[in-house]
Amino acid sequence: MSQPNTPGQPQKYKSKKVALQEALQSPPWFPDAKWHLQTLGIIYAVLIVAYFGISHLLRRLPSPYKLRNIPMEMTPWLHPGGKVHLSEEQLRAPGETRAPAAAAK
């Protein structure tokens, strides 16, 4: 049974058609520039805190797992201004001796 509509009282039960029309009349939510800036700010802040937090934790690891400082000679592409070119003698492992090519013949 349907209740009669009395003036001054809100309508409790709406038909599906009326509810759909009201939903279509109100505009959907669109993010504005303020929302974008706030969201990107939160994302960047979380990423920066996570990066420094993880770096700090990795520095506190025991000896075999610590982060290393890689020498410039091993990665010259990381230091383009300090062009480092080492001779073959300097690139050999310590204690490694190699006979000259002329003596081997």
PDB file of N, CA and C in Angstrom:
ATOM      1  N   MET A   1       0.808  -1.172   0.000  1.00  0.00           N
ATOM      2  CA  MET A   1       0.000   0.000   0.000  1.00  0.00           C
ATOM      3  C   MET A   1       0.862   1.250   0.000  1.00  0.00           C
ATOM      4  N   SER A   2       0.474   2.201  -0.735  1.00  0.00           N
ATOM      5  CA  SER A   2       1.205   3.439  -0.842  1.00  0.00           C
ATOM      6  C   SER A   2       0.668   4.444   0.171  1.00  0.00           C
ATOM      7  N   GLN A   3       1.574   5.164   0.806  1.00  0.00           N
ATOM      8  CA  GLN A   3       1.132   6.175   1.758  1.00  0.00           C
ATOM      9  C   GLN A   3       0.795   7.451   1.007  1.00  0.00           C
ATOM     10  N   PRO A   4      -0.238   8.121   1.415  1.00  0.00           N
ATOM     11  CA  PRO A   4      -0.580   9.370   0.731  1.00  0.00           C
ATOM     12  C   PRO A   4       0.436  10.447   1.081  1.00  0.00           C
ATOM     13  N   ASN A   5       0.761  11.269   0.110  1.00  0.00           N
ATOM     14  CA  ASN A   5       1.685  12.379   0.332  1.00  0.00           C
ATOM     15  C   ASN A   5       0.949  13.502   1.037  1.00  0.00           C
ATOM     16  N   THR A   6       1.450  13.848   2.203  1.00  0.00           N
ATOM     17  CA  THR A   6       0.858  14.972   2.913  1.00  0.00           C
ATOM     18  C   THR A   6       1.781  16.156   2.773  1.00  0.00           C
ATOM     19  N   PRO A   7       1.261  17.342   2.564  1.00  0.00           N
ATOM     20  CA  PRO A   7       2.116  18.509   2.397  1.00  0.00           C
ATOM     21  C   PRO A   7       2.880  18.808   3.684  1.00  0.00           C
ATOM     22  N   GLY A   8       4.185  19.216   3.517  1.00  0.00           N
ATOM     23  CA  GLY A   8       5.004  19.561   4.674  1.00  0.00           C
ATOM     24  C   GLY A   8       5.844  18.403   5.188  1.00  0.00           C
ATOM     25  N   GLN A   9       5.564  17.190   4.776  1.00  0.00           N
ATOM     26  CA  GLN A   9       6.357  16.041   5.195  1.00  0.00           C
ATOM     27  C   GLN A   9       7.224  15.605   4.019  1.00  0.00           C
ATOM     28  N   PRO A  10       8.486  15.239   4.300  1.00  0.00           N
ATOM     29  CA  PRO A  10       9.338  14.779   3.201  1.00  0.00           C
ATOM     30  C   PRO A  10       8.863  13.442   2.659  1.00  0.00           C
ATOM     31  N   GLN A  11       9.105  13.270   1.389  1.00  0.00           N
ATOM     32  CA  GLN A  11       8.695  12.027   0.761  1.00  0.00           C
ATOM     33  C   GLN A  11       9.721  10.957   1.094  1.00  0.00           C
ATOM     34  N   LYS A  12       9.319   9.877   1.745  1.00  0.00           N
ATOM     35  CA  LYS A  12      10.241   8.821   2.163  1.00  0.00           C
ATOM     36  C   LYS A  12      10.563   7.878   1.010  1.00  0.00           C
ATOM     37  N   TYR A  13       9.568   7.543   0.251  1.00  0.00           N
ATOM     38  CA  TYR A  13       9.744   6.546  -0.785  1.00  0.00           C
ATOM     39  C   TYR A  13       9.671   7.218  -2.150  1.00  0.00           C
ATOM     40  N   LYS A  14      10.774   7.119  -2.902  1.00  0.00           N
ATOM     41  CA  LYS A  14      10.802   7.694  -4.240  1.00  0.00           C
ATOM     42  C   LYS A  14      10.776   6.555  -5.248  1.00  0.00           C
ATOM     43  N   SER A  15      10.221   6.825  -6.358  1.00  0.00           N
ATOM     44  CA  SER A  15      10.243   5.810  -7.404  1.00  0.00           C
ATOM     45  C   SER A  15      11.640   5.770  -8.014  1.00  0.00           C
ATOM     46  N   LYS A  16      11.952   4.689  -8.658  1.00  0.00           N
ATOM     47  CA  LYS A  16      13.269   4.539  -9.277  1.00  0.00           C
ATOM     48  C   LYS A  16      13.483   5.592 -10.357  1.00  0.00           C
ATOM     49  N   LYS A  17      12.426   5.941 -11.053  1.00  0.00           N
ATOM     50  CA  LYS A  17      12.534   6.933 -12.118  1.00  0.00           C
ATOM     51  C   LYS A  17      12.893   8.308 -11.544  1.00  0.00           C
ATOM     52  N   VAL A  18      12.273   8.678 -10.442  1.00  0.00           N
ATOM     53  CA  VAL A  18      12.546   9.966  -9.819  1.00  0.00           C
ATOM     54  C   VAL A  18      13.967   9.988  -9.264  1.00  0.00           C
ATOM     55  N   ALA A  19      14.384   8.906  -8.633  1.00  0.00           N
ATOM     56  CA  ALA A  19      15.735   8.825  -8.079  1.00  0.00           C
ATOM     57  C   ALA A  19      16.780   8.915  -9.187  1.00  0.00           C
ATOM     58  N   LEU A  20      16.546   8.270 -10.327  1.00  0.00           N
ATOM     59  CA  LEU A  20      17.471   8.322 -11.452  1.00  0.00           C
ATOM     60  C   LEU A  20      17.544   9.729 -12.038  1.00  0.00           C
ATOM     61  N   GLN A  21      16.426  10.397 -12.139  1.00  0.00           N
ATOM     62  CA  GLN A  21      16.416  11.766 -12.661  1.00  0.00           C
ATOM     63  C   GLN A  21      17.196  12.708 -11.745  1.00  0.00           C
ATOM     64  N   GLU A  22      17.043  12.540 -10.434  1.00  0.00           N
ATOM     65  CA  GLU A  22      17.788  13.385  -9.488  1.00  0.00           C
ATOM     66  C   GLU A  22      19.283  13.108  -9.565  1.00  0.00           C
ATOM     67  N   ALA A  23      19.634  11.842  -9.745  1.00  0.00           N
ATOM     68  CA  ALA A  23      21.052  11.486  -9.846  1.00  0.00           C
ATOM     69  C   ALA A  23      21.664  12.056 -11.117  1.00  0.00           C
ATOM     70  N   LEU A  24      20.906  12.078 -12.208  1.00  0.00           N
ATOM     71  CA  LEU A  24      21.430  12.610 -13.465  1.00  0.00           C
ATOM     72  C   LEU A  24      21.496  14.130 -13.464  1.00  0.00           C
ATOM     73  N   GLN A  25      20.669  14.792 -12.676  1.00  0.00           N
ATOM     74  CA  GLN A  25      20.683  16.241 -12.627  1.00  0.00           C
ATOM     75  C   GLN A  25      21.882  16.766 -11.851  1.00  0.00           C
ATOM     76  N   SER A  26      22.297  16.068 -10.806  1.00  0.00           N
ATOM     77  CA  SER A  26      23.458  16.537 -10.039  1.00  0.00           C
ATOM     78  C   SER A  26      24.728  16.134 -10.784  1.00  0.00           C
ATOM     79  N   PRO A  27      25.664  17.081 -10.936  1.00  0.00           N
ATOM     80  CA  PRO A  27      26.864  16.757 -11.705  1.00  0.00           C
ATOM     81  C   PRO A  27      27.755  15.773 -10.944  1.00  0.00           C
ATOM     82  N   PRO A  28      28.453  14.901 -11.668  1.00  0.00           N
ATOM     83  CA  PRO A  28      29.378  13.989 -10.991  1.00  0.00           C
ATOM     84  C   PRO A  28      30.571  14.767 -10.439  1.00  0.00           C
ATOM     85  N   TRP A  29      31.299  14.139  -9.550  1.00  0.00           N
ATOM     86  CA  TRP A  29      32.451  14.798  -8.925  1.00  0.00           C
ATOM     87  C   TRP A  29      33.617  14.798  -9.899  1.00  0.00           C
ATOM     88  N   PHE A  30      34.220  15.958 -10.090  1.00  0.00           N
ATOM     89  CA  PHE A  30      35.398  16.082 -10.928  1.00  0.00           C
ATOM     90  C   PHE A  30      36.528  16.655 -10.085  1.00  0.00           C
ATOM     91  N   PRO A  31      37.715  16.037 -10.126  1.00  0.00           N
ATOM     92  CA  PRO A  31      38.828  16.588  -9.345  1.00  0.00           C
ATOM     93  C   PRO A  31      39.295  17.908  -9.946  1.00  0.00           C
ATOM     94  N   ASP A  32      39.538  18.867  -9.077  1.00  0.00           N
ATOM     95  CA  ASP A  32      40.027  20.155  -9.548  1.00  0.00           C
ATOM     96  C   ASP A  32      41.535  20.248  -9.320  1.00  0.00           C
ATOM     97  N   ALA A  33      42.104  21.384  -9.631  1.00  0.00           N
ATOM     98  CA  ALA A  33      43.563  21.552  -9.515  1.00  0.00           C
ATOM     99  C   ALA A  33      44.024  21.417  -8.063  1.00  0.00           C
ATOM    100  N   LYS A  34      43.247  21.931  -7.133  1.00  0.00           N
ATOM    101  CA  LYS A  34      43.616  21.829  -5.715  1.00  0.00           C
ATOM    102  C   LYS A  34      43.714  20.367  -5.286  1.00  0.00           C
ATOM    103  N   TRP A  35      42.739  19.562  -5.712  1.00  0.00           N
ATOM    104  CA  TRP A  35      42.753  18.144  -5.353  1.00  0.00           C
ATOM    105  C   TRP A  35      43.976  17.447  -5.951  1.00  0.00           C
ATOM    106  N   HIS A  36      44.299  17.756  -7.219  1.00  0.00           N
ATOM    107  CA  HIS A  36      45.463  17.153  -7.870  1.00  0.00           C
ATOM    108  C   HIS A  36      46.749  17.519  -7.136  1.00  0.00           C
ATOM    109  N   LEU A  37      46.910  18.804  -6.796  1.00  0.00           N
ATOM    110  CA  LEU A  37      48.125  19.226  -6.098  1.00  0.00           C
ATOM    111  C   LEU A  37      48.243  18.579  -4.726  1.00  0.00           C
ATOM    112  N   GLN A  38      47.149  18.486  -4.026  1.00  0.00           N
ATOM    113  CA  GLN A  38      47.180  17.862  -2.703  1.00  0.00           C
ATOM    114  C   GLN A  38      47.518  16.374  -2.808  1.00  0.00           C
ATOM    115  N   THR A  39      46.919  15.688  -3.754  1.00  0.00           N
ATOM    116  CA  THR A  39      47.183  14.258  -3.922  1.00  0.00           C
ATOM    117  C   THR A  39      48.621  14.006  -4.344  1.00  0.00           C
ATOM    118  N   LEU A  40      49.123  14.781  -5.314  1.00  0.00           N
ATOM    119  CA  LEU A  40      50.518  14.618  -5.733  1.00  0.00           C
ATOM    120  C   LEU A  40      51.483  14.965  -4.610  1.00  0.00           C
ATOM    121  N   GLY A  41      51.159  15.974  -3.816  1.00  0.00           N
ATOM    122  CA  GLY A  41      51.995  16.323  -2.674  1.00  0.00           C
ATOM    123  C   GLY A  41      52.088  15.190  -1.673  1.00  0.00           C
ATOM    124  N   ILE A  42      50.970  14.546  -1.398  1.00  0.00           N
ATOM    125  CA  ILE A  42      50.967  13.412  -0.462  1.00  0.00           C
ATOM    126  C   ILE A  42      51.774  12.260  -1.028  1.00  0.00           C
ATOM    127  N   ILE A  43      51.603  11.966  -2.314  1.00  0.00           N
ATOM    128  CA  ILE A  43      52.347  10.859  -2.936  1.00  0.00           C
ATOM    129  C   ILE A  43      53.845  11.132  -2.884  1.00  0.00           C
ATOM    130  N   TYR A  44      54.269  12.346  -3.259  1.00  0.00           N
ATOM    131  CA  TYR A  44      55.695  12.675  -3.228  1.00  0.00           C
ATOM    132  C   TYR A  44      56.247  12.637  -1.810  1.00  0.00           C
ATOM    133  N   ALA A  45      55.493  13.122  -0.851  1.00  0.00           N
ATOM    134  CA  ALA A  45      55.960  13.103   0.540  1.00  0.00           C
ATOM    135  C   ALA A  45      56.156  11.668   1.024  1.00  0.00           C
ATOM    136  N   VAL A  46      55.224  10.789   0.702  1.00  0.00           N
ATOM    137  CA  VAL A  46      55.346   9.381   1.113  1.00  0.00           C
ATOM    138  C   VAL A  46      56.552   8.736   0.436  1.00  0.00           C
ATOM    139  N   LEU A  47      56.758   9.009  -0.859  1.00  0.00           N
ATOM    140  CA  LEU A  47      57.897   8.427  -1.567  1.00  0.00           C
ATOM    141  C   LEU A  47      59.232   8.914  -0.996  1.00  0.00           C
ATOM    142  N   ILE A  48      59.325  10.202  -0.679  1.00  0.00           N
ATOM    143  CA  ILE A  48      60.572  10.745  -0.140  1.00  0.00           C
ATOM    144  C   ILE A  48      60.863  10.168   1.238  1.00  0.00           C
ATOM    145  N   VAL A  49      59.855  10.094   2.084  1.00  0.00           N
ATOM    146  CA  VAL A  49      60.047   9.515   3.423  1.00  0.00           C
ATOM    147  C   VAL A  49      60.417   8.040   3.306  1.00  0.00           C
ATOM    148  N   ALA A  50      59.772   7.309   2.401  1.00  0.00           N
ATOM    149  CA  ALA A  50      60.091   5.892   2.224  1.00  0.00           C
ATOM    150  C   ALA A  50      61.525   5.710   1.722  1.00  0.00           C
ATOM    151  N   TYR A  51      61.965   6.555   0.786  1.00  0.00           N
ATOM    152  CA  TYR A  51      63.321   6.437   0.251  1.00  0.00           C
ATOM    153  C   TYR A  51      64.363   6.634   1.348  1.00  0.00           C
ATOM    154  N   PHE A  52      64.233   7.721   2.105  1.00  0.00           N
ATOM    155  CA  PHE A  52      65.223   7.974   3.144  1.00  0.00           C
ATOM    156  C   PHE A  52      65.120   6.968   4.278  1.00  0.00           C
ATOM    157  N   GLY A  53      63.925   6.509   4.576  1.00  0.00           N
ATOM    158  CA  GLY A  53      63.764   5.481   5.614  1.00  0.00           C
ATOM    159  C   GLY A  53      64.418   4.169   5.221  1.00  0.00           C
ATOM    160  N   ILE A  54      64.201   3.749   3.987  1.00  0.00           N
ATOM    161  CA  ILE A  54      64.811   2.498   3.516  1.00  0.00           C
ATOM    162  C   ILE A  54      66.326   2.647   3.419  1.00  0.00           C
ATOM    163  N   SER A  55      66.806   3.798   2.966  1.00  0.00           N
ATOM    164  CA  SER A  55      68.258   4.031   2.901  1.00  0.00           C
ATOM    165  C   SER A  55      68.876   3.948   4.286  1.00  0.00           C
ATOM    166  N   HIS A  56      68.201   4.532   5.256  1.00  0.00           N
ATOM    167  CA  HIS A  56      68.718   4.494   6.635  1.00  0.00           C
ATOM    168  C   HIS A  56      68.748   3.059   7.158  1.00  0.00           C
ATOM    169  N   LEU A  57      67.702   2.298   6.883  1.00  0.00           N
ATOM    170  CA  LEU A  57      67.673   0.905   7.338  1.00  0.00           C
ATOM    171  C   LEU A  57      68.746   0.064   6.642  1.00  0.00           C
ATOM    172  N   LEU A  58      68.978   0.312   5.354  1.00  0.00           N
ATOM    173  CA  LEU A  58      69.990  -0.458   4.635  1.00  0.00           C
ATOM    174  C   LEU A  58      71.400  -0.132   5.126  1.00  0.00           C
ATOM    175  N   ARG A  59      71.619   1.122   5.572  1.00  0.00           N
ATOM    176  CA  ARG A  59      72.933   1.475   6.099  1.00  0.00           C
ATOM    177  C   ARG A  59      73.224   0.788   7.418  1.00  0.00           C
ATOM    178  N   ARG A  60      72.189   0.390   8.138  1.00  0.00           N
ATOM    179  CA  ARG A  60      72.373  -0.230   9.441  1.00  0.00           C
ATOM    180  C   ARG A  60      72.516  -1.751   9.357  1.00  0.00           C
ATOM    181  N   LEU A  61      72.508  -2.308   8.162  1.00  0.00           N
ATOM    182  CA  LEU A  61      72.646  -3.762   8.015  1.00  0.00           C
ATOM    183  C   LEU A  61      74.042  -4.208   8.427  1.00  0.00           C
ATOM    184  N   PRO A  62      74.194  -5.480   8.793  1.00  0.00           N
ATOM    185  CA  PRO A  62      75.522  -5.970   9.148  1.00  0.00           C
ATOM    186  C   PRO A  62      76.468  -5.978   7.954  1.00  0.00           C
ATOM    187  N   SER A  63      77.708  -6.273   8.225  1.00  0.00           N
ATOM    188  CA  SER A  63      78.818  -6.104   7.299  1.00  0.00           C
ATOM    189  C   SER A  63      78.620  -6.663   5.882  1.00  0.00           C
ATOM    190  N   PRO A  64      78.287  -7.890   5.670  1.00  0.00           N
ATOM    191  CA  PRO A  64      78.239  -8.346   4.267  1.00  0.00           C
ATOM    192  C   PRO A  64      77.105  -7.731   3.457  1.00  0.00           C
ATOM    193  N   TYR A  65      76.110  -7.149   4.082  1.00  0.00           N
ATOM    194  CA  TYR A  65      74.955  -6.631   3.363  1.00  0.00           C
ATOM    195  C   TYR A  65      74.934  -5.118   3.260  1.00  0.00           C
ATOM    196  N   LYS A  66      75.942  -4.442   3.752  1.00  0.00           N
ATOM    197  CA  LYS A  66      75.955  -2.981   3.738  1.00  0.00           C
ATOM    198  C   LYS A  66      76.006  -2.448   2.318  1.00  0.00           C
ATOM    199  N   LEU A  67      75.527  -1.221   2.151  1.00  0.00           N
ATOM    200  CA  LEU A  67      75.648  -0.555   0.864  1.00  0.00           C
ATOM    201  C   LEU A  67      77.107  -0.193   0.629  1.00  0.00           C
ATOM    202  N   ARG A  68      77.553  -0.347  -0.593  1.00  0.00           N
ATOM    203  CA  ARG A  68      78.961  -0.074  -0.896  1.00  0.00           C
ATOM    204  C   ARG A  68      79.112   1.277  -1.569  1.00  0.00           C
ATOM    205  N   ASN A  69      80.273   1.856  -1.396  1.00  0.00           N
ATOM    206  CA  ASN A  69      80.655   3.026  -2.179  1.00  0.00           C
ATOM    207  C   ASN A  69      81.457   2.506  -3.368  1.00  0.00           C
ATOM    208  N   ILE A  70      80.873   2.583  -4.538  1.00  0.00           N
ATOM    209  CA  ILE A  70      81.525   2.043  -5.732  1.00  0.00           C
ATOM    210  C   ILE A  70      82.557   3.050  -6.206  1.00  0.00           C
ATOM    211  N   PRO A  71      83.810   2.607  -6.428  1.00  0.00           N
ATOM    212  CA  PRO A  71      84.848   3.543  -6.864  1.00  0.00           C
ATOM    213  C   PRO A  71      84.570   4.095  -8.262  1.00  0.00           C
ATOM    214  N   MET A  72      85.102   5.269  -8.514  1.00  0.00           N
ATOM    215  CA  MET A  72      84.882   5.952  -9.787  1.00  0.00           C
ATOM    216  C   MET A  72      85.478   5.148 -10.949  1.00  0.00           C
ATOM    217  N   GLU A  73      86.530   4.405 -10.705  1.00  0.00           N
ATOM    218  CA  GLU A  73      87.164   3.643 -11.780  1.00  0.00           C
ATOM    219  C   GLU A  73      86.260   2.523 -12.285  1.00  0.00           C
ATOM    220  N   MET A  74      85.393   2.022 -11.409  1.00  0.00           N
ATOM    221  CA  MET A  74      84.518   0.910 -11.791  1.00  0.00           C
ATOM    222  C   MET A  74      83.311   1.389 -12.607  1.00  0.00           C
ATOM    223  N   THR A  75      82.884   2.613 -12.394  1.00  0.00           N
ATOM    224  CA  THR A  75      81.702   3.144 -13.083  1.00  0.00           C
ATOM    225  C   THR A  75      82.009   4.528 -13.647  1.00  0.00           C
ATOM    226  N   PRO A  76      82.792   4.624 -14.704  1.00  0.00           N
ATOM    227  CA  PRO A  76      83.129   5.944 -15.247  1.00  0.00           C
ATOM    228  C   PRO A  76      81.923   6.670 -15.836  1.00  0.00           C
ATOM    229  N   TRP A  77      80.879   5.955 -16.242  1.00  0.00           N
ATOM    230  CA  TRP A  77      79.702   6.606 -16.810  1.00  0.00           C
ATOM    231  C   TRP A  77      78.910   7.365 -15.752  1.00  0.00           C
ATOM    232  N   LEU A  78      79.128   7.053 -14.464  1.00  0.00           N
ATOM    233  CA  LEU A  78      78.454   7.789 -13.406  1.00  0.00           C
ATOM    234  C   LEU A  78      79.153   9.105 -13.081  1.00  0.00           C
ATOM    235  N   HIS A  79      80.388   9.250 -13.511  1.00  0.00           N
ATOM    236  CA  HIS A  79      81.174  10.451 -13.239  1.00  0.00           C
ATOM    237  C   HIS A  79      81.725  10.991 -14.558  1.00  0.00           C
ATOM    238  N   PRO A  80      80.887  11.578 -15.402  1.00  0.00           N
ATOM    239  CA  PRO A  80      81.353  12.000 -16.731  1.00  0.00           C
ATOM    240  C   PRO A  80      82.401  13.108 -16.688  1.00  0.00           C
ATOM    241  N   GLY A  81      82.428  13.914 -15.639  1.00  0.00           N
ATOM    242  CA  GLY A  81      83.396  15.002 -15.577  1.00  0.00           C
ATOM    243  C   GLY A  81      84.785  14.523 -15.200  1.00  0.00           C
ATOM    244  N   GLY A  82      84.898  13.453 -14.460  1.00  0.00           N
ATOM    245  CA  GLY A  82      86.191  12.978 -13.995  1.00  0.00           C
ATOM    246  C   GLY A  82      86.688  11.823 -14.834  1.00  0.00           C
ATOM    247  N   LYS A  83      86.914  12.048 -16.092  1.00  0.00           N
ATOM    248  CA  LYS A  83      87.325  10.990 -17.017  1.00  0.00           C
ATOM    249  C   LYS A  83      88.527  10.242 -16.446  1.00  0.00           C
ATOM    250  N   VAL A  84      88.280   8.993 -16.094  1.00  0.00           N
ATOM    251  CA  VAL A  84      89.331   8.186 -15.485  1.00  0.00           C
ATOM    252  C   VAL A  84      89.676   7.057 -16.451  1.00  0.00           C
ATOM    253  N   HIS A  85      90.905   7.036 -16.879  1.00  0.00           N
ATOM    254  CA  HIS A  85      91.374   5.958 -17.739  1.00  0.00           C
ATOM    255  C   HIS A  85      92.582   5.338 -17.054  1.00  0.00           C
ATOM    256  N   LEU A  86      92.446   4.068 -16.711  1.00  0.00           N
ATOM    257  CA  LEU A  86      93.526   3.384 -16.014  1.00  0.00           C
ATOM    258  C   LEU A  86      94.255   2.480 -16.990  1.00  0.00           C
ATOM    259  N   SER A  87      95.528   2.297 -16.728  1.00  0.00           N
ATOM    260  CA  SER A  87      96.317   1.395 -17.566  1.00  0.00           C
ATOM    261  C   SER A  87      95.989  -0.049 -17.189  1.00  0.00           C
ATOM    262  N   GLU A  88      96.447  -0.975 -18.011  1.00  0.00           N
ATOM    263  CA  GLU A  88      96.213  -2.400 -17.746  1.00  0.00           C
ATOM    264  C   GLU A  88      96.833  -2.827 -16.419  1.00  0.00           C
ATOM    265  N   GLU A  89      97.973  -2.251 -16.082  1.00  0.00           N
ATOM    266  CA  GLU A  89      98.642  -2.591 -14.820  1.00  0.00           C
ATOM    267  C   GLU A  89      97.780  -2.206 -13.617  1.00  0.00           C
ATOM    268  N   GLN A  90      97.146  -1.077 -13.689  1.00  0.00           N
ATOM    269  CA  GLN A  90      96.323  -0.616 -12.575  1.00  0.00           C
ATOM    270  C   GLN A  90      94.999  -1.371 -12.475  1.00  0.00           C
ATOM    271  N   LEU A  91      94.555  -1.968 -13.571  1.00  0.00           N
ATOM    272  CA  LEU A  91      93.291  -2.691 -13.560  1.00  0.00           C
ATOM    273  C   LEU A  91      93.420  -4.126 -13.055  1.00  0.00           C
ATOM    274  N   ARG A  92      94.627  -4.645 -12.965  1.00  0.00           N
ATOM    275  CA  ARG A  92      94.828  -6.020 -12.510  1.00  0.00           C
ATOM    276  C   ARG A  92      94.532  -6.153 -11.028  1.00  0.00           C
ATOM    277  N   ALA A  93      94.132  -7.347 -10.651  1.00  0.00           N
ATOM    278  CA  ALA A  93      93.875  -7.643  -9.239  1.00  0.00           C
ATOM    279  C   ALA A  93      95.194  -7.633  -8.481  1.00  0.00           C
ATOM    280  N   PRO A  94      95.168  -7.279  -7.202  1.00  0.00           N
ATOM    281  CA  PRO A  94      96.409  -7.279  -6.425  1.00  0.00           C
ATOM    282  C   PRO A  94      97.017  -8.677  -6.369  1.00  0.00           C
ATOM    283  N   GLY A  95      98.310  -8.746  -6.541  1.00  0.00           N
ATOM    284  CA  GLY A  95      99.014 -10.037  -6.480  1.00  0.00           C
ATOM    285  C   GLY A  95      99.039 -10.778  -7.805  1.00  0.00           C
ATOM    286  N   GLU A  96      98.340 -10.325  -8.784  1.00  0.00           N
ATOM    287  CA  GLU A  96      98.322 -10.996 -10.086  1.00  0.00           C
ATOM    288  C   GLU A  96      99.520 -10.510 -10.880  1.00  0.00           C
ATOM    289  N   THR A  97     100.366 -11.448 -11.290  1.00  0.00           N
ATOM    290  CA  THR A  97     101.515 -11.071 -12.108  1.00  0.00           C
ATOM    291  C   THR A  97     101.331 -11.691 -13.484  1.00  0.00           C
ATOM    292  N   ARG A  98     101.701 -10.940 -14.466  1.00  0.00           N
ATOM    293  CA  ARG A  98     101.517 -11.406 -15.834  1.00  0.00           C
ATOM    294  C   ARG A  98     102.824 -11.159 -16.587  1.00  0.00           C
ATOM    295  N   ALA A  99     103.235 -12.165 -17.304  1.00  0.00           N
ATOM    296  CA  ALA A  99     104.484 -12.041 -18.070  1.00  0.00           C
ATOM    297  C   ALA A  99     104.234 -11.148 -19.269  1.00  0.00           C
ATOM    298  N   PRO A 100     105.214 -10.335 -19.626  1.00  0.00           N
ATOM    299  CA  PRO A 100     105.063  -9.502 -20.823  1.00  0.00           C
ATOM    300  C   PRO A 100     104.870 -10.362 -22.068  1.00  0.00           C
ATOM    301  N   ALA A 101     104.216  -9.845 -23.051  1.00  0.00           N
ATOM    302  CA  ALA A 101     103.927 -10.595 -24.283  1.00  0.00           C
ATOM    303  C   ALA A 101     105.209 -10.941 -25.040  1.00  0.00           C
ATOM    304  N   ALA A 102     106.238 -10.107 -24.964  1.00  0.00           N
ATOM    305  CA  ALA A 102     107.472 -10.385 -25.679  1.00  0.00           C
ATOM    306  C   ALA A 102     108.214 -11.575 -25.037  1.00  0.00           C
ATOM    307  N   ALA A 103     108.147 -11.732 -23.764  1.00  0.00           N
ATOM    308  CA  ALA A 103     108.845 -12.819 -23.090  1.00  0.00           C
ATOM    309  C   ALA A 103     108.126 -14.151 -23.290  1.00  0.00           C
ATOM    310  N   ALA A 104     106.862 -14.153 -23.594  1.00  0.00           N
ATOM    311  CA  ALA A 104     106.108 -15.373 -23.753  1.00  0.00           C
ATOM    312  C   ALA A 104     106.414 -16.053 -25.077  1.00  0.00           C
ATOM    313  N   LYS A 105     106.964 -15.321 -26.054  1.00  0.00           N
ATOM    314  CA  LYS A 105     107.226 -15.918 -27.374  1.00  0.00           C
ATOM    315  C   LYS A 105     108.438 -16.745 -27.369  1.00  0.00           C
TER     316      LYS A 105
END
